[in-house]
Amino acid sequence: MNEQNQSSTATRRHPGRVYLFLAVLFALVGPALYFGQLSAKVLTTPWYVPLLATAGVASAALALLRARSIWRWAAIILVTLLAAAEWAFLLVAMGTPAYTGPAKSGQAFPAFATSLADGSAFSQSDLKGDQGTVMVFFRGHW
């Protein structure tokens, strides 16, 4: 009975501690999972990373509503900044170029530079020759 009173006293003394723990957990699990995804060479869009960070922001807000402290304010600020950075990375940095329409016969191919699967450089100048060139891009898994 005494242990039960101590447990409820600790909960009343630090209300929302579980929410604060979940906020930090959500904020750290997303990047860790993405690192594992990259290590496994799975190149899909990591939508779960900013979603987990956003859940962390919500959890930190709940912890802050339960009790205010400098640590909880710091947690919500840091988790919010992390979530904003992750959303910006996903929506801006990982964005694809704007679609300019299909290629047209007789129109010059736009200048480009890229690297091949083996890491060697490849650019528009590598396509020049006596005959016309057709480029086909396959996106998918083999």
C-alpha atoms as a PDB file:
ATOM      1  CA  MET A   1       0.000   0.000   0.000  1.00  0.00           C
ATOM      2  CA  ASN A   2       2.879   2.354   0.817  1.00  0.00           C
ATOM      3  CA  GLU A   3       4.501   1.710  -2.579  1.00  0.00           C
ATOM      4  CA  GLN A   4       1.238   2.559  -4.306  1.00  0.00           C
ATOM      5  CA  ASN A   5       1.060   5.899  -2.489  1.00  0.00           C
ATOM      6  CA  GLN A   6       4.660   6.676  -3.451  1.00  0.00           C
ATOM      7  CA  SER A   7       3.890   5.865  -7.077  1.00  0.00           C
ATOM      8  CA  SER A   8       0.842   8.126  -7.179  1.00  0.00           C
ATOM      9  CA  THR A   9       2.786  10.866  -5.368  1.00  0.00           C
ATOM     10  CA  ALA A  10       5.561  10.666  -7.975  1.00  0.00           C
ATOM     11  CA  THR A  11       2.950  10.878 -10.737  1.00  0.00           C
ATOM     12  CA  ARG A  12       1.375  13.960  -9.158  1.00  0.00           C
ATOM     13  CA  ARG A  13       4.773  15.558  -8.606  1.00  0.00           C
ATOM     14  CA  HIS A  14       5.769  15.101 -12.276  1.00  0.00           C
ATOM     15  CA  PRO A  15       2.553  15.033 -14.312  1.00  0.00           C
ATOM     16  CA  GLY A  16       3.004  14.452 -18.012  1.00  0.00           C
ATOM     17  CA  ARG A  17       6.435  12.879 -17.674  1.00  0.00           C
ATOM     18  CA  VAL A  18       5.335  10.012 -19.935  1.00  0.00           C
ATOM     19  CA  TYR A  19       4.353  12.516 -22.642  1.00  0.00           C
ATOM     20  CA  LEU A  20       7.755  14.151 -22.394  1.00  0.00           C
ATOM     21  CA  PHE A  21       9.473  10.774 -22.697  1.00  0.00           C
ATOM     22  CA  LEU A  22       7.325   9.926 -25.748  1.00  0.00           C
ATOM     23  CA  ALA A  23       8.168  13.284 -27.344  1.00  0.00           C
ATOM     24  CA  VAL A  24      11.886  12.592 -27.116  1.00  0.00           C
ATOM     25  CA  LEU A  25      11.377   8.985 -28.249  1.00  0.00           C
ATOM     26  CA  PHE A  26       9.334  10.013 -31.301  1.00  0.00           C
ATOM     27  CA  ALA A  27      11.884  12.681 -32.229  1.00  0.00           C
ATOM     28  CA  LEU A  28      14.816  10.247 -32.096  1.00  0.00           C
ATOM     29  CA  VAL A  29      13.208   7.106 -33.545  1.00  0.00           C
ATOM     30  CA  GLY A  30      12.466   8.664 -36.961  1.00  0.00           C
ATOM     31  CA  PRO A  31      16.072   9.562 -37.863  1.00  0.00           C
ATOM     32  CA  ALA A  32      17.292   6.253 -36.430  1.00  0.00           C
ATOM     33  CA  LEU A  33      14.852   4.322 -38.632  1.00  0.00           C
ATOM     34  CA  TYR A  34      15.890   6.385 -41.652  1.00  0.00           C
ATOM     35  CA  PHE A  35      19.550   5.629 -40.977  1.00  0.00           C
ATOM     36  CA  GLY A  36      18.642   1.936 -40.875  1.00  0.00           C
ATOM     37  CA  GLN A  37      16.699   2.322 -44.110  1.00  0.00           C
ATOM     38  CA  LEU A  38      19.695   3.906 -45.826  1.00  0.00           C
ATOM     39  CA  SER A  39      22.003   1.222 -44.429  1.00  0.00           C
ATOM     40  CA  ALA A  40      19.714  -1.396 -45.945  1.00  0.00           C
ATOM     41  CA  LYS A  41      19.856   0.553 -49.245  1.00  0.00           C
ATOM     42  CA  VAL A  42      16.079   0.989 -49.369  1.00  0.00           C
ATOM     43  CA  LEU A  43      15.576   4.232 -51.247  1.00  0.00           C
ATOM     44  CA  THR A  44      11.936   5.055 -50.600  1.00  0.00           C
ATOM     45  CA  THR A  45      10.637   8.395 -49.380  1.00  0.00           C
ATOM     46  CA  PRO A  46      10.816   8.438 -45.559  1.00  0.00           C
ATOM     47  CA  TRP A  47       7.410   9.991 -44.815  1.00  0.00           C
ATOM     48  CA  TYR A  48       7.468   8.449 -41.374  1.00  0.00           C
ATOM     49  CA  VAL A  49      10.363  10.649 -40.172  1.00  0.00           C
ATOM     50  CA  PRO A  50       8.576  14.035 -40.086  1.00  0.00           C
ATOM     51  CA  LEU A  51       5.313  12.348 -39.060  1.00  0.00           C
ATOM     52  CA  LEU A  52       6.997  10.844 -35.993  1.00  0.00           C
ATOM     53  CA  ALA A  53       8.583  14.202 -35.174  1.00  0.00           C
ATOM     54  CA  THR A  54       5.169  15.861 -35.467  1.00  0.00           C
ATOM     55  CA  ALA A  55       3.771  13.269 -33.063  1.00  0.00           C
ATOM     56  CA  GLY A  56       6.681  14.206 -30.804  1.00  0.00           C
ATOM     57  CA  VAL A  57       5.647  17.866 -30.950  1.00  0.00           C
ATOM     58  CA  ALA A  58       2.090  16.917 -29.981  1.00  0.00           C
ATOM     59  CA  SER A  59       3.360  14.775 -27.123  1.00  0.00           C
ATOM     60  CA  ALA A  60       5.664  17.556 -25.909  1.00  0.00           C
ATOM     61  CA  ALA A  61       2.728  19.975 -26.026  1.00  0.00           C
ATOM     62  CA  LEU A  62       0.684  17.576 -23.858  1.00  0.00           C
ATOM     63  CA  ALA A  63       3.572  17.339 -21.387  1.00  0.00           C
ATOM     64  CA  LEU A  64       3.805  21.126 -21.297  1.00  0.00           C
ATOM     65  CA  LEU A  65       0.058  21.434 -20.678  1.00  0.00           C
ATOM     66  CA  ARG A  66       0.287  19.036 -17.737  1.00  0.00           C
ATOM     67  CA  ALA A  67       3.087  20.979 -16.033  1.00  0.00           C
ATOM     68  CA  ARG A  68       5.305  23.833 -17.123  1.00  0.00           C
ATOM     69  CA  SER A  69       9.052  23.737 -16.626  1.00  0.00           C
ATOM     70  CA  ILE A  70      12.101  25.047 -18.424  1.00  0.00           C
ATOM     71  CA  TRP A  71      12.955  21.506 -19.571  1.00  0.00           C
ATOM     72  CA  ARG A  72       9.556  21.015 -21.140  1.00  0.00           C
ATOM     73  CA  TRP A  73       9.746  24.380 -22.892  1.00  0.00           C
ATOM     74  CA  ALA A  74      13.201  23.418 -24.193  1.00  0.00           C
ATOM     75  CA  ALA A  75      11.891  20.014 -25.317  1.00  0.00           C
ATOM     76  CA  ILE A  76       8.976  21.467 -27.254  1.00  0.00           C
ATOM     77  CA  ILE A  77      11.202  24.072 -28.915  1.00  0.00           C
ATOM     78  CA  LEU A  78      13.856  21.526 -29.924  1.00  0.00           C
ATOM     79  CA  VAL A  79      11.371  18.899 -31.107  1.00  0.00           C
ATOM     80  CA  THR A  80       9.464  21.545 -33.094  1.00  0.00           C
ATOM     81  CA  LEU A  81      12.682  22.740 -34.756  1.00  0.00           C
ATOM     82  CA  LEU A  82      13.604  19.145 -35.584  1.00  0.00           C
ATOM     83  CA  ALA A  83      10.149  18.468 -37.043  1.00  0.00           C
ATOM     84  CA  ALA A  84      10.305  21.660 -39.120  1.00  0.00           C
ATOM     85  CA  ALA A  85      13.756  20.714 -40.452  1.00  0.00           C
ATOM     86  CA  GLU A  86      12.564  17.213 -41.324  1.00  0.00           C
ATOM     87  CA  TRP A  87       9.468  18.526 -43.133  1.00  0.00           C
ATOM     88  CA  ALA A  88      11.627  21.035 -45.035  1.00  0.00           C
ATOM     89  CA  PHE A  89      14.093  18.314 -46.005  1.00  0.00           C
ATOM     90  CA  LEU A  90      11.325  16.008 -47.182  1.00  0.00           C
ATOM     91  CA  LEU A  91       9.294  18.579 -49.086  1.00  0.00           C
ATOM     92  CA  VAL A  92      12.064  20.811 -50.460  1.00  0.00           C
ATOM     93  CA  ALA A  93      15.409  19.032 -50.538  1.00  0.00           C
ATOM     94  CA  MET A  94      14.017  15.676 -51.655  1.00  0.00           C
ATOM     95  CA  GLY A  95      11.658  17.278 -54.173  1.00  0.00           C
ATOM     96  CA  THR A  96      11.739  16.354 -57.806  1.00  0.00           C
ATOM     97  CA  PRO A  97      12.260  18.923 -60.546  1.00  0.00           C
ATOM     98  CA  ALA A  98       9.201  20.554 -62.050  1.00  0.00           C
ATOM     99  CA  TYR A  99       7.619  18.699 -64.955  1.00  0.00           C
ATOM    100  CA  THR A 100       8.216  20.600 -68.182  1.00  0.00           C
ATOM    101  CA  GLY A 101       6.238  18.319 -70.460  1.00  0.00           C
ATOM    102  CA  PRO A 102       7.246  15.573 -72.864  1.00  0.00           C
ATOM    103  CA  ALA A 103      10.210  15.825 -75.195  1.00  0.00           C
ATOM    104  CA  LYS A 104       9.350  17.060 -78.686  1.00  0.00           C
ATOM    105  CA  SER A 105      10.842  15.948 -81.948  1.00  0.00           C
ATOM    106  CA  GLY A 106      13.497  18.343 -83.212  1.00  0.00           C
ATOM    107  CA  GLN A 107      13.819  20.172 -79.901  1.00  0.00           C
ATOM    108  CA  ALA A 108      17.279  20.275 -78.324  1.00  0.00           C
ATOM    109  CA  PHE A 109      17.771  18.127 -75.258  1.00  0.00           C
ATOM    110  CA  PRO A 110      18.309  20.242 -72.132  1.00  0.00           C
ATOM    111  CA  ALA A 111      21.806  20.354 -70.656  1.00  0.00           C
ATOM    112  CA  PHE A 112      22.407  17.935 -67.788  1.00  0.00           C
ATOM    113  CA  ALA A 113      25.136  16.262 -65.769  1.00  0.00           C
ATOM    114  CA  THR A 114      24.758  13.146 -63.632  1.00  0.00           C
ATOM    115  CA  SER A 115      26.633  10.075 -62.536  1.00  0.00           C
ATOM    116  CA  LEU A 116      26.189   6.502 -63.678  1.00  0.00           C
ATOM    117  CA  ALA A 117      25.612   3.538 -61.395  1.00  0.00           C
ATOM    118  CA  ASP A 118      29.356   2.837 -61.313  1.00  0.00           C
ATOM    119  CA  GLY A 119      30.041   6.431 -60.182  1.00  0.00           C
ATOM    120  CA  SER A 120      31.500   7.739 -63.444  1.00  0.00           C
ATOM    121  CA  ALA A 121      30.375  11.131 -64.731  1.00  0.00           C
ATOM    122  CA  PHE A 122      27.869  11.397 -67.563  1.00  0.00           C
ATOM    123  CA  SER A 123      26.702  14.580 -69.287  1.00  0.00           C
ATOM    124  CA  GLN A 124      25.047  15.864 -72.433  1.00  0.00           C
ATOM    125  CA  SER A 125      28.384  15.975 -74.260  1.00  0.00           C
ATOM    126  CA  ASP A 126      28.639  12.169 -73.974  1.00  0.00           C
ATOM    127  CA  LEU A 127      25.564  11.865 -76.227  1.00  0.00           C
ATOM    128  CA  LYS A 128      27.002  13.771 -79.199  1.00  0.00           C
ATOM    129  CA  GLY A 129      27.681  11.733 -82.281  1.00  0.00           C
ATOM    130  CA  ASP A 130      26.727  11.216 -85.929  1.00  0.00           C
ATOM    131  CA  GLN A 131      23.295   9.780 -85.190  1.00  0.00           C
ATOM    132  CA  GLY A 132      20.350  10.853 -83.087  1.00  0.00           C
ATOM    133  CA  THR A 133      20.153   9.621 -79.531  1.00  0.00           C
ATOM    134  CA  VAL A 134      17.170   8.416 -77.551  1.00  0.00           C
ATOM    135  CA  MET A 135      17.317   8.311 -73.767  1.00  0.00           C
ATOM    136  CA  VAL A 136      14.910   6.113 -71.833  1.00  0.00           C
ATOM    137  CA  PHE A 137      14.706   6.277 -68.050  1.00  0.00           C
ATOM    138  CA  PHE A 138      13.436   3.264 -66.173  1.00  0.00           C
ATOM    139  CA  ARG A 139      12.279   3.812 -62.637  1.00  0.00           C
ATOM    140  CA  GLY A 140      11.592   0.721 -60.629  1.00  0.00           C
ATOM    141  CA  HIS A 141      13.071  -2.371 -59.083  1.00  0.00           C
ATOM    142  CA  TRP A 142      14.780  -5.201 -60.828  1.00  0.00           C
END
